[in-house]
N, C-alpha and C. Protein backbone atom coordinates (compact mmCIF):
# COMPACT_ATOMS: atom_id res chain seq x y z
N MET A 1 -10.86 7.65 3.35
CA MET A 1 -9.87 6.70 2.87
C MET A 1 -8.70 6.70 3.85
N ARG A 2 -8.29 5.54 4.25
CA ARG A 2 -7.13 5.41 5.11
C ARG A 2 -5.91 5.38 4.22
N ASP A 3 -4.85 6.00 4.67
CA ASP A 3 -3.66 5.97 3.84
C ASP A 3 -2.41 5.92 4.68
N ASP A 4 -1.38 5.38 4.09
CA ASP A 4 -0.05 5.30 4.70
C ASP A 4 0.94 5.75 3.66
N GLU A 5 1.99 6.40 4.12
CA GLU A 5 3.01 6.87 3.20
C GLU A 5 4.33 6.19 3.55
N VAL A 6 5.02 5.77 2.55
CA VAL A 6 6.31 5.12 2.73
C VAL A 6 7.39 6.18 2.61
N ASP A 7 8.25 6.23 3.61
CA ASP A 7 9.27 7.28 3.70
C ASP A 7 10.65 6.63 3.64
N LEU A 8 11.41 6.94 2.62
CA LEU A 8 12.78 6.44 2.49
C LEU A 8 13.69 7.65 2.40
N ASN A 9 14.58 7.79 3.39
CA ASN A 9 15.45 8.96 3.47
C ASN A 9 14.64 10.25 3.48
N LYS A 10 13.51 10.22 4.18
CA LYS A 10 12.62 11.36 4.35
C LYS A 10 12.02 11.85 3.04
N LYS A 11 12.01 11.02 2.01
CA LYS A 11 11.35 11.32 0.75
C LYS A 11 10.26 10.29 0.55
N TYR A 12 9.07 10.75 0.23
CA TYR A 12 7.97 9.81 0.04
C TYR A 12 8.10 9.13 -1.32
N LEU A 13 8.08 7.80 -1.29
CA LEU A 13 8.13 7.01 -2.51
C LEU A 13 6.74 6.67 -3.01
N LEU A 14 5.83 6.49 -2.06
CA LEU A 14 4.48 6.11 -2.46
C LEU A 14 3.49 6.46 -1.36
N THR A 15 2.25 6.53 -1.78
CA THR A 15 1.13 6.66 -0.86
C THR A 15 0.19 5.52 -1.18
N ILE A 16 -0.27 4.83 -0.15
CA ILE A 16 -1.14 3.68 -0.36
C ILE A 16 -2.31 3.80 0.61
N GLY A 17 -3.48 3.38 0.18
CA GLY A 17 -4.64 3.49 1.04
C GLY A 17 -5.75 2.58 0.58
N TYR A 18 -6.86 2.66 1.31
CA TYR A 18 -8.03 1.86 0.95
C TYR A 18 -9.29 2.66 1.25
N ILE A 19 -10.39 2.23 0.68
CA ILE A 19 -11.67 2.91 0.85
C ILE A 19 -12.58 2.00 1.67
N PRO A 20 -12.70 2.27 2.98
CA PRO A 20 -13.47 1.37 3.85
C PRO A 20 -14.93 1.26 3.46
N GLU A 21 -15.48 2.29 2.84
CA GLU A 21 -16.88 2.24 2.43
C GLU A 21 -17.13 1.23 1.32
N LEU A 22 -16.09 0.82 0.63
CA LEU A 22 -16.21 -0.16 -0.46
C LEU A 22 -15.72 -1.54 -0.03
N LYS A 23 -15.89 -1.84 1.24
CA LYS A 23 -15.45 -3.11 1.79
C LYS A 23 -16.51 -4.18 1.56
N LYS A 24 -16.04 -5.38 1.18
CA LYS A 24 -16.93 -6.52 0.98
C LYS A 24 -16.17 -7.78 1.36
N ASP A 25 -16.77 -8.58 2.24
CA ASP A 25 -16.15 -9.85 2.65
C ASP A 25 -14.70 -9.67 3.12
N ASP A 26 -14.46 -8.67 3.97
CA ASP A 26 -13.15 -8.39 4.57
C ASP A 26 -12.12 -7.83 3.60
N TYR A 27 -12.52 -7.53 2.38
CA TYR A 27 -11.62 -6.92 1.40
C TYR A 27 -12.16 -5.54 1.03
N ALA A 28 -11.25 -4.64 0.64
CA ALA A 28 -11.66 -3.30 0.23
C ALA A 28 -10.84 -2.89 -1.00
N LEU A 29 -11.38 -1.95 -1.75
CA LEU A 29 -10.66 -1.37 -2.87
C LEU A 29 -9.51 -0.53 -2.32
N GLY A 30 -8.33 -0.72 -2.86
CA GLY A 30 -7.18 0.06 -2.45
C GLY A 30 -6.59 0.81 -3.63
N LYS A 31 -5.77 1.82 -3.33
CA LYS A 31 -5.09 2.60 -4.36
C LYS A 31 -3.63 2.78 -3.94
N LEU A 32 -2.75 2.65 -4.92
CA LEU A 32 -1.33 2.86 -4.72
C LEU A 32 -0.89 3.99 -5.64
N PHE A 33 -0.32 5.02 -5.05
CA PHE A 33 0.18 6.17 -5.80
C PHE A 33 1.71 6.17 -5.69
N LEU A 34 2.38 5.91 -6.79
CA LEU A 34 3.84 5.93 -6.81
C LEU A 34 4.33 7.33 -7.15
N LYS A 35 5.41 7.73 -6.52
CA LYS A 35 6.00 9.04 -6.79
C LYS A 35 6.29 9.17 -8.28
N ASP A 36 5.89 10.27 -8.85
CA ASP A 36 6.12 10.61 -10.25
C ASP A 36 5.32 9.77 -11.24
N ALA A 37 4.42 8.91 -10.78
CA ALA A 37 3.57 8.14 -11.70
C ALA A 37 2.39 9.00 -12.14
N GLU A 38 1.88 8.72 -13.31
CA GLU A 38 0.79 9.51 -13.86
C GLU A 38 -0.58 9.10 -13.33
N SER A 39 -0.73 7.86 -12.91
CA SER A 39 -2.04 7.41 -12.43
C SER A 39 -1.86 6.38 -11.31
N PRO A 40 -2.90 6.24 -10.46
CA PRO A 40 -2.81 5.27 -9.36
C PRO A 40 -2.95 3.83 -9.87
N ILE A 41 -2.53 2.91 -9.03
CA ILE A 41 -2.67 1.48 -9.30
C ILE A 41 -3.76 0.94 -8.39
N ASP A 42 -4.72 0.22 -8.98
CA ASP A 42 -5.78 -0.42 -8.19
C ASP A 42 -5.20 -1.62 -7.44
N THR A 43 -5.58 -1.75 -6.18
CA THR A 43 -5.13 -2.86 -5.35
C THR A 43 -6.33 -3.45 -4.61
N ILE A 44 -6.11 -4.59 -4.01
CA ILE A 44 -7.08 -5.19 -3.09
C ILE A 44 -6.47 -5.09 -1.69
N TYR A 45 -7.22 -4.52 -0.76
CA TYR A 45 -6.75 -4.32 0.61
C TYR A 45 -7.41 -5.33 1.54
N GLU A 46 -6.63 -5.81 2.51
CA GLU A 46 -7.16 -6.69 3.55
C GLU A 46 -6.40 -6.43 4.85
N LEU A 47 -7.13 -6.39 5.95
CA LEU A 47 -6.53 -6.30 7.27
C LEU A 47 -6.50 -7.70 7.86
N LYS A 48 -5.29 -8.18 8.19
CA LYS A 48 -5.13 -9.51 8.81
C LYS A 48 -4.51 -9.28 10.17
N GLY A 49 -5.32 -9.40 11.21
CA GLY A 49 -4.84 -9.11 12.56
C GLY A 49 -4.50 -7.63 12.65
N VAL A 50 -3.22 -7.31 12.86
CA VAL A 50 -2.79 -5.91 12.92
C VAL A 50 -1.95 -5.52 11.71
N GLN A 51 -1.91 -6.38 10.69
CA GLN A 51 -1.14 -6.10 9.48
C GLN A 51 -2.07 -5.67 8.34
N HIS A 52 -1.65 -4.64 7.65
CA HIS A 52 -2.38 -4.15 6.47
C HIS A 52 -1.73 -4.76 5.24
N HIS A 53 -2.55 -5.29 4.32
CA HIS A 53 -2.04 -5.96 3.12
C HIS A 53 -2.68 -5.35 1.87
N TRP A 54 -1.86 -5.03 0.88
CA TRP A 54 -2.34 -4.58 -0.43
C TRP A 54 -1.74 -5.52 -1.46
N VAL A 55 -2.56 -6.01 -2.38
CA VAL A 55 -2.11 -6.95 -3.40
C VAL A 55 -2.57 -6.44 -4.77
N TRP A 56 -1.69 -6.54 -5.76
CA TRP A 56 -2.04 -6.25 -7.14
C TRP A 56 -1.11 -7.06 -8.03
N GLY A 57 -1.66 -7.67 -9.06
CA GLY A 57 -0.84 -8.49 -9.95
C GLY A 57 -0.01 -9.49 -9.16
N ASP A 58 1.29 -9.51 -9.41
CA ASP A 58 2.23 -10.40 -8.72
C ASP A 58 2.93 -9.71 -7.55
N PHE A 59 2.35 -8.61 -7.04
CA PHE A 59 3.02 -7.80 -6.02
C PHE A 59 2.19 -7.66 -4.76
N LYS A 60 2.88 -7.38 -3.66
CA LYS A 60 2.21 -7.23 -2.37
C LYS A 60 3.00 -6.26 -1.50
N ILE A 61 2.27 -5.42 -0.76
CA ILE A 61 2.87 -4.58 0.28
C ILE A 61 2.15 -4.89 1.58
N THR A 62 2.91 -5.11 2.63
CA THR A 62 2.37 -5.34 3.96
C THR A 62 2.95 -4.29 4.90
N ILE A 63 2.08 -3.72 5.74
CA ILE A 63 2.54 -2.77 6.76
C ILE A 63 2.19 -3.33 8.13
N ASP A 64 3.23 -3.51 8.96
CA ASP A 64 3.06 -4.02 10.31
C ASP A 64 2.58 -2.91 11.25
N SER A 65 2.15 -3.28 12.44
CA SER A 65 1.65 -2.31 13.41
C SER A 65 2.73 -1.33 13.86
N ASP A 66 4.01 -1.68 13.72
CA ASP A 66 5.09 -0.76 14.12
C ASP A 66 5.48 0.20 12.99
N GLY A 67 4.79 0.13 11.85
CA GLY A 67 5.07 1.02 10.74
C GLY A 67 6.08 0.48 9.73
N THR A 68 6.53 -0.75 9.92
CA THR A 68 7.45 -1.35 8.96
C THR A 68 6.66 -1.86 7.76
N GLY A 69 7.04 -1.39 6.59
CA GLY A 69 6.41 -1.84 5.36
C GLY A 69 7.34 -2.74 4.59
N ARG A 70 6.76 -3.73 3.93
CA ARG A 70 7.57 -4.65 3.13
C ARG A 70 6.92 -4.84 1.77
N PHE A 71 7.76 -4.94 0.75
CA PHE A 71 7.31 -5.14 -0.62
C PHE A 71 7.78 -6.50 -1.12
N TRP A 72 6.85 -7.25 -1.73
CA TRP A 72 7.16 -8.56 -2.32
C TRP A 72 6.88 -8.53 -3.81
N ASP A 73 7.74 -9.22 -4.56
CA ASP A 73 7.55 -9.41 -6.00
C ASP A 73 7.48 -10.92 -6.23
N PHE A 74 6.30 -11.39 -6.63
CA PHE A 74 6.10 -12.83 -6.85
C PHE A 74 6.13 -13.19 -8.33
N THR A 75 6.67 -12.30 -9.16
CA THR A 75 6.75 -12.58 -10.59
C THR A 75 7.50 -13.88 -10.83
N GLY A 76 6.87 -14.79 -11.56
CA GLY A 76 7.49 -16.07 -11.89
C GLY A 76 7.51 -17.09 -10.77
N ALA A 77 6.89 -16.77 -9.64
CA ALA A 77 6.89 -17.72 -8.50
C ALA A 77 6.03 -18.93 -8.82
N LYS A 78 6.48 -20.08 -8.35
CA LYS A 78 5.70 -21.30 -8.49
C LYS A 78 4.68 -21.35 -7.36
N LYS A 79 3.60 -22.07 -7.55
CA LYS A 79 2.56 -22.19 -6.55
C LYS A 79 3.16 -22.67 -5.23
N GLY A 80 2.90 -21.94 -4.15
CA GLY A 80 3.40 -22.29 -2.83
C GLY A 80 4.84 -21.85 -2.55
N GLU A 81 5.51 -21.26 -3.55
CA GLU A 81 6.89 -20.82 -3.36
C GLU A 81 6.96 -19.66 -2.38
N LEU A 82 7.88 -19.74 -1.43
CA LEU A 82 8.10 -18.66 -0.47
C LEU A 82 9.19 -17.74 -0.99
N ARG A 83 8.98 -16.45 -0.77
CA ARG A 83 9.98 -15.46 -1.17
C ARG A 83 10.18 -14.46 -0.03
N ASP A 84 11.39 -13.94 0.07
CA ASP A 84 11.66 -12.87 1.02
C ASP A 84 11.22 -11.55 0.40
N SER A 85 10.89 -10.60 1.24
CA SER A 85 10.52 -9.29 0.72
C SER A 85 11.74 -8.67 0.04
N LYS A 86 11.49 -7.92 -1.03
CA LYS A 86 12.58 -7.29 -1.79
C LYS A 86 13.00 -5.97 -1.18
N GLU A 87 12.06 -5.26 -0.55
CA GLU A 87 12.34 -3.94 0.00
C GLU A 87 11.64 -3.79 1.34
N THR A 88 12.22 -2.96 2.21
CA THR A 88 11.62 -2.63 3.50
C THR A 88 11.55 -1.12 3.61
N TYR A 89 10.44 -0.62 4.16
CA TYR A 89 10.20 0.81 4.25
C TYR A 89 9.84 1.23 5.67
N GLU A 90 10.05 2.48 5.97
CA GLU A 90 9.54 3.11 7.19
C GLU A 90 8.27 3.85 6.78
N CYS A 91 7.14 3.46 7.35
CA CYS A 91 5.84 4.02 6.94
C CYS A 91 5.27 4.92 8.03
N THR A 92 4.54 5.93 7.59
CA THR A 92 3.84 6.81 8.50
C THR A 92 2.41 6.96 8.04
N SER A 93 1.51 7.14 8.98
CA SER A 93 0.12 7.44 8.64
C SER A 93 -0.01 8.93 8.47
N SER A 94 -0.71 9.32 7.45
CA SER A 94 -0.98 10.74 7.26
C SER A 94 -2.46 10.98 7.53
N ASP A 95 -2.79 12.20 7.88
CA ASP A 95 -4.19 12.49 8.17
C ASP A 95 -4.99 12.64 6.88
N LEU A 96 -6.28 12.57 6.99
CA LEU A 96 -7.17 12.62 5.84
C LEU A 96 -7.02 13.92 5.07
N GLU A 97 -6.85 15.02 5.76
CA GLU A 97 -6.70 16.32 5.09
C GLU A 97 -5.49 16.32 4.16
N LYS A 98 -4.37 15.83 4.64
CA LYS A 98 -3.17 15.77 3.83
C LYS A 98 -3.37 14.87 2.62
N PHE A 99 -4.03 13.74 2.83
CA PHE A 99 -4.28 12.83 1.72
C PHE A 99 -5.21 13.46 0.69
N ASN A 100 -6.24 14.14 1.15
CA ASN A 100 -7.16 14.81 0.22
C ASN A 100 -6.43 15.86 -0.62
N GLN A 101 -5.52 16.60 -0.01
CA GLN A 101 -4.73 17.59 -0.75
C GLN A 101 -3.88 16.90 -1.81
N PHE A 102 -3.30 15.77 -1.45
CA PHE A 102 -2.50 15.01 -2.41
C PHE A 102 -3.37 14.55 -3.57
N MET A 103 -4.55 14.02 -3.28
CA MET A 103 -5.46 13.55 -4.31
C MET A 103 -5.83 14.68 -5.27
N GLU A 104 -6.15 15.83 -4.72
CA GLU A 104 -6.53 16.99 -5.54
C GLU A 104 -5.38 17.43 -6.43
N SER A 105 -4.16 17.30 -5.94
CA SER A 105 -3.00 17.76 -6.73
C SER A 105 -2.74 16.88 -7.94
N ILE A 106 -3.17 15.63 -7.91
CA ILE A 106 -2.90 14.75 -9.05
C ILE A 106 -4.07 14.68 -10.01
N TRP A 107 -5.21 15.16 -9.62
CA TRP A 107 -6.38 15.12 -10.53
C TRP A 107 -6.52 16.40 -11.20
């Protein structure tokens, strides 16, 4: 599973990733782990060029190739309505070992 961690003031707010083995038609199952949440959130992952995209409900996180992450909230948006991202993050990739340890700690 590939994962990225969002770092705000050197504190991790979330871990997000996808399972490449479950990829179908350029989409993959993704998981979002929020700090202090009891369970992960299922997402749909897609790679568009060099940007990573996770979508769930009315929300979206995009991570650019430079590690800049952006969060969008489309709650109540009209069809075709453009919105600015609500939050911007500094993201880092973590290695698989670290992610596996994190997974084991929450299960």
